[in-house]
Amino acid sequence: MEFPSLNKVNLSGDMPVVAVNIGADKDTVEKYIKKNNLNMPVVIDTNFELAGAFEIRFFPTNVILDKTGAAVYNQAGVLDEESLNKIIDSYK
């Protein structure tokens, strides 16, 4: 599961992390956040607007945005912590 790695990145301050939940209701998402002790903002995309904007077809998908908001990385699949750090380091 990626959330522990994403939480570490978010807490390090190296790069802000925002999780996007696609399709679940607010109560389900809030329970998941609490249960997994997430320390990052979570956007709830019930209308699939962000999924469409970033052409997300599979879950999970990791998207990295540059400072202008353009997607510079968009890849489906789970990332281990080492891979995640390498990708983030390449965009710093």
N, C-alpha and C. Protein backbone atom coordinates (compact mmCIF):
# COMPACT_ATOMS: atom_id res chain seq x y z
N MET A 1 0.84 -1.19 0.00
CA MET A 1 0.00 0.00 0.00
C MET A 1 0.88 1.24 0.00
N GLU A 2 0.51 2.21 -0.79
CA GLU A 2 1.32 3.41 -0.97
C GLU A 2 1.14 4.47 0.11
N PHE A 3 0.03 4.47 0.80
CA PHE A 3 -0.24 5.58 1.71
C PHE A 3 0.83 5.81 2.76
N PRO A 4 1.44 4.78 3.36
CA PRO A 4 2.52 5.07 4.30
C PRO A 4 3.68 5.83 3.64
N SER A 5 4.03 5.47 2.42
CA SER A 5 5.11 6.17 1.70
C SER A 5 4.70 7.59 1.36
N LEU A 6 3.48 7.76 0.90
CA LEU A 6 3.00 9.10 0.57
C LEU A 6 2.92 9.97 1.82
N ASN A 7 2.52 9.39 2.93
CA ASN A 7 2.48 10.13 4.19
C ASN A 7 3.87 10.62 4.56
N LYS A 8 4.90 9.76 4.41
CA LYS A 8 6.27 10.16 4.71
C LYS A 8 6.72 11.32 3.83
N VAL A 9 6.41 11.25 2.54
CA VAL A 9 6.78 12.33 1.62
C VAL A 9 6.08 13.61 2.04
N ASN A 10 4.81 13.53 2.35
CA ASN A 10 4.05 14.71 2.75
C ASN A 10 4.62 15.32 4.03
N LEU A 11 4.92 14.48 5.02
CA LEU A 11 5.43 14.97 6.29
C LEU A 11 6.84 15.51 6.18
N SER A 12 7.61 15.04 5.19
CA SER A 12 8.99 15.52 5.02
C SER A 12 9.03 16.96 4.53
N GLY A 13 7.96 17.40 3.87
CA GLY A 13 7.92 18.75 3.35
C GLY A 13 8.62 18.92 2.02
N ASP A 14 9.18 17.84 1.48
CA ASP A 14 9.88 17.91 0.19
C ASP A 14 8.93 18.23 -0.95
N MET A 15 7.74 17.68 -0.88
CA MET A 15 6.77 17.87 -1.94
C MET A 15 5.39 17.69 -1.33
N PRO A 16 4.47 18.64 -1.54
CA PRO A 16 3.14 18.45 -0.99
C PRO A 16 2.43 17.27 -1.66
N VAL A 17 1.70 16.52 -0.87
CA VAL A 17 0.97 15.36 -1.37
C VAL A 17 -0.51 15.59 -1.10
N VAL A 18 -1.31 15.35 -2.12
CA VAL A 18 -2.76 15.40 -1.99
C VAL A 18 -3.30 14.09 -2.54
N ALA A 19 -4.06 13.39 -1.73
CA ALA A 19 -4.69 12.16 -2.19
C ALA A 19 -6.04 12.51 -2.80
N VAL A 20 -6.43 11.78 -3.81
CA VAL A 20 -7.73 11.98 -4.43
C VAL A 20 -8.48 10.65 -4.38
N ASN A 21 -9.63 10.68 -3.75
CA ASN A 21 -10.48 9.50 -3.73
C ASN A 21 -11.51 9.68 -4.84
N ILE A 22 -11.65 8.67 -5.64
CA ILE A 22 -12.57 8.76 -6.78
C ILE A 22 -13.76 7.84 -6.54
N GLY A 23 -14.92 8.45 -6.33
CA GLY A 23 -16.15 7.69 -6.29
C GLY A 23 -16.73 7.37 -4.93
N ALA A 24 -15.95 7.42 -3.85
CA ALA A 24 -16.49 7.07 -2.53
C ALA A 24 -17.17 8.28 -1.89
N ASP A 25 -18.07 8.00 -0.97
CA ASP A 25 -18.74 9.10 -0.28
C ASP A 25 -17.86 9.63 0.86
N LYS A 26 -18.21 10.81 1.35
CA LYS A 26 -17.40 11.51 2.34
C LYS A 26 -17.22 10.69 3.63
N ASP A 27 -18.27 10.06 4.13
CA ASP A 27 -18.16 9.28 5.36
C ASP A 27 -17.17 8.13 5.22
N THR A 28 -17.21 7.43 4.09
CA THR A 28 -16.29 6.32 3.85
C THR A 28 -14.85 6.81 3.81
N VAL A 29 -14.64 7.93 3.14
CA VAL A 29 -13.28 8.49 3.03
C VAL A 29 -12.78 8.95 4.40
N GLU A 30 -13.63 9.62 5.17
CA GLU A 30 -13.21 10.08 6.49
C GLU A 30 -12.85 8.92 7.42
N LYS A 31 -13.60 7.83 7.36
CA LYS A 31 -13.29 6.64 8.16
C LYS A 31 -11.94 6.06 7.73
N TYR A 32 -11.68 6.01 6.44
CA TYR A 32 -10.42 5.47 5.92
C TYR A 32 -9.25 6.34 6.38
N ILE A 33 -9.42 7.65 6.30
CA ILE A 33 -8.36 8.58 6.73
C ILE A 33 -8.03 8.36 8.20
N LYS A 34 -9.06 8.28 9.02
CA LYS A 34 -8.85 8.09 10.46
C LYS A 34 -8.22 6.73 10.75
N LYS A 35 -8.74 5.68 10.14
CA LYS A 35 -8.24 4.32 10.37
C LYS A 35 -6.77 4.19 9.99
N ASN A 36 -6.36 4.87 8.89
CA ASN A 36 -5.00 4.75 8.38
C ASN A 36 -4.09 5.89 8.80
N ASN A 37 -4.62 6.79 9.65
CA ASN A 37 -3.82 7.87 10.22
C ASN A 37 -3.13 8.72 9.14
N LEU A 38 -3.87 9.09 8.12
CA LEU A 38 -3.30 9.88 7.02
C LEU A 38 -3.13 11.33 7.46
N ASN A 39 -2.00 11.90 7.08
CA ASN A 39 -1.69 13.29 7.42
C ASN A 39 -1.55 14.14 6.17
N MET A 40 -2.43 13.91 5.22
CA MET A 40 -2.40 14.67 3.97
C MET A 40 -3.83 15.04 3.61
N PRO A 41 -4.00 16.11 2.86
CA PRO A 41 -5.36 16.43 2.43
C PRO A 41 -5.87 15.37 1.45
N VAL A 42 -7.16 15.11 1.51
CA VAL A 42 -7.79 14.16 0.60
C VAL A 42 -8.96 14.86 -0.08
N VAL A 43 -8.91 14.89 -1.39
CA VAL A 43 -9.98 15.46 -2.20
C VAL A 43 -10.92 14.32 -2.59
N ILE A 44 -12.21 14.56 -2.49
CA ILE A 44 -13.19 13.53 -2.85
C ILE A 44 -13.76 13.90 -4.21
N ASP A 45 -13.48 13.08 -5.20
CA ASP A 45 -13.88 13.32 -6.59
C ASP A 45 -15.09 12.44 -6.93
N THR A 46 -16.24 12.80 -6.39
CA THR A 46 -17.43 11.98 -6.60
C THR A 46 -17.97 12.06 -8.02
N ASN A 47 -17.66 13.14 -8.72
CA ASN A 47 -18.15 13.32 -10.09
C ASN A 47 -17.12 12.93 -11.15
N PHE A 48 -15.99 12.39 -10.72
CA PHE A 48 -14.93 11.92 -11.63
C PHE A 48 -14.33 13.05 -12.48
N GLU A 49 -14.39 14.28 -11.96
CA GLU A 49 -13.83 15.42 -12.70
C GLU A 49 -12.31 15.36 -12.78
N LEU A 50 -11.65 15.12 -11.64
CA LEU A 50 -10.19 15.02 -11.66
C LEU A 50 -9.74 13.78 -12.41
N ALA A 51 -10.45 12.71 -12.23
CA ALA A 51 -10.11 11.48 -12.96
C ALA A 51 -10.13 11.73 -14.46
N GLY A 52 -11.12 12.46 -14.92
CA GLY A 52 -11.20 12.79 -16.35
C GLY A 52 -10.12 13.76 -16.78
N ALA A 53 -9.86 14.77 -15.95
CA ALA A 53 -8.86 15.79 -16.30
C ALA A 53 -7.47 15.19 -16.43
N PHE A 54 -7.15 14.19 -15.59
CA PHE A 54 -5.82 13.58 -15.63
C PHE A 54 -5.84 12.22 -16.33
N GLU A 55 -6.93 11.92 -17.01
CA GLU A 55 -7.06 10.68 -17.79
C GLU A 55 -6.74 9.44 -16.96
N ILE A 56 -7.27 9.39 -15.75
CA ILE A 56 -7.05 8.26 -14.86
C ILE A 56 -8.03 7.16 -15.23
N ARG A 57 -7.48 6.00 -15.57
CA ARG A 57 -8.29 4.86 -15.99
C ARG A 57 -8.17 3.68 -15.03
N PHE A 58 -7.06 3.64 -14.27
CA PHE A 58 -6.79 2.53 -13.37
C PHE A 58 -6.43 3.07 -12.00
N PHE A 59 -6.61 2.23 -10.98
CA PHE A 59 -6.33 2.66 -9.62
C PHE A 59 -5.34 1.71 -8.97
N PRO A 60 -4.36 2.19 -8.24
CA PRO A 60 -4.08 3.60 -8.06
C PRO A 60 -3.33 4.18 -9.26
N THR A 61 -3.41 5.47 -9.40
CA THR A 61 -2.61 6.20 -10.38
C THR A 61 -1.91 7.33 -9.65
N ASN A 62 -0.64 7.51 -9.92
CA ASN A 62 0.15 8.58 -9.31
C ASN A 62 0.39 9.66 -10.35
N VAL A 63 0.08 10.89 -9.96
CA VAL A 63 0.26 12.04 -10.85
C VAL A 63 1.12 13.06 -10.12
N ILE A 64 2.16 13.54 -10.79
CA ILE A 64 2.99 14.61 -10.24
C ILE A 64 2.78 15.83 -11.11
N LEU A 65 2.49 16.94 -10.44
CA LEU A 65 2.28 18.21 -11.13
C LEU A 65 3.48 19.11 -10.92
N ASP A 66 3.81 19.89 -11.96
CA ASP A 66 4.86 20.88 -11.79
C ASP A 66 4.27 22.12 -11.13
N LYS A 67 5.07 23.15 -10.96
CA LYS A 67 4.61 24.36 -10.26
C LYS A 67 3.51 25.10 -11.01
N THR A 68 3.35 24.83 -12.30
CA THR A 68 2.28 25.48 -13.07
C THR A 68 0.99 24.67 -13.06
N GLY A 69 1.05 23.46 -12.48
CA GLY A 69 -0.12 22.59 -12.44
C GLY A 69 -0.20 21.60 -13.59
N ALA A 70 0.82 21.59 -14.44
CA ALA A 70 0.84 20.64 -15.56
C ALA A 70 1.32 19.27 -15.06
N ALA A 71 0.68 18.22 -15.55
CA ALA A 71 1.08 16.86 -15.17
C ALA A 71 2.40 16.50 -15.85
N VAL A 72 3.42 16.22 -15.05
CA VAL A 72 4.73 15.83 -15.59
C VAL A 72 4.98 14.34 -15.41
N TYR A 73 4.13 13.69 -14.63
CA TYR A 73 4.24 12.25 -14.41
C TYR A 73 2.83 11.72 -14.18
N ASN A 74 2.48 10.65 -14.89
CA ASN A 74 1.15 10.05 -14.74
C ASN A 74 1.31 8.57 -15.03
N GLN A 75 1.26 7.76 -13.97
CA GLN A 75 1.49 6.33 -14.13
C GLN A 75 0.57 5.54 -13.22
N ALA A 76 -0.09 4.56 -13.80
CA ALA A 76 -0.94 3.67 -13.01
C ALA A 76 -0.10 2.60 -12.33
N GLY A 77 -0.54 2.17 -11.17
CA GLY A 77 0.12 1.09 -10.46
C GLY A 77 0.68 1.54 -9.13
N VAL A 78 0.88 0.58 -8.27
CA VAL A 78 1.41 0.84 -6.94
C VAL A 78 2.91 1.09 -7.02
N LEU A 79 3.37 2.10 -6.30
CA LEU A 79 4.80 2.41 -6.23
C LEU A 79 5.32 2.06 -4.85
N ASP A 80 6.47 1.38 -4.79
CA ASP A 80 7.09 1.16 -3.50
C ASP A 80 7.81 2.45 -3.10
N GLU A 81 8.23 2.52 -1.85
CA GLU A 81 8.82 3.76 -1.34
C GLU A 81 10.07 4.18 -2.10
N GLU A 82 10.93 3.23 -2.45
CA GLU A 82 12.15 3.56 -3.18
C GLU A 82 11.84 4.16 -4.55
N SER A 83 10.91 3.55 -5.28
CA SER A 83 10.53 4.06 -6.60
C SER A 83 9.90 5.43 -6.49
N LEU A 84 9.03 5.60 -5.50
CA LEU A 84 8.38 6.88 -5.29
C LEU A 84 9.41 7.98 -5.02
N ASN A 85 10.38 7.70 -4.17
CA ASN A 85 11.41 8.70 -3.87
C ASN A 85 12.26 9.05 -5.08
N LYS A 86 12.58 8.05 -5.91
CA LYS A 86 13.36 8.33 -7.12
C LYS A 86 12.59 9.24 -8.08
N ILE A 87 11.31 8.97 -8.24
CA ILE A 87 10.49 9.79 -9.13
C ILE A 87 10.40 11.21 -8.59
N ILE A 88 10.13 11.35 -7.31
CA ILE A 88 10.03 12.68 -6.72
C ILE A 88 11.34 13.43 -6.82
N ASP A 89 12.44 12.75 -6.54
CA ASP A 89 13.77 13.41 -6.63
C ASP A 89 14.05 13.91 -8.05
N SER A 90 13.56 13.21 -9.04
CA SER A 90 13.82 13.64 -10.42
C SER A 90 13.05 14.90 -10.80
N TYR A 91 12.04 15.27 -10.02
CA TYR A 91 11.25 16.47 -10.32
C TYR A 91 11.48 17.61 -9.35
N LYS A 92 12.42 17.47 -8.44
CA LYS A 92 12.72 18.56 -7.49
C LYS A 92 13.49 19.65 -8.17
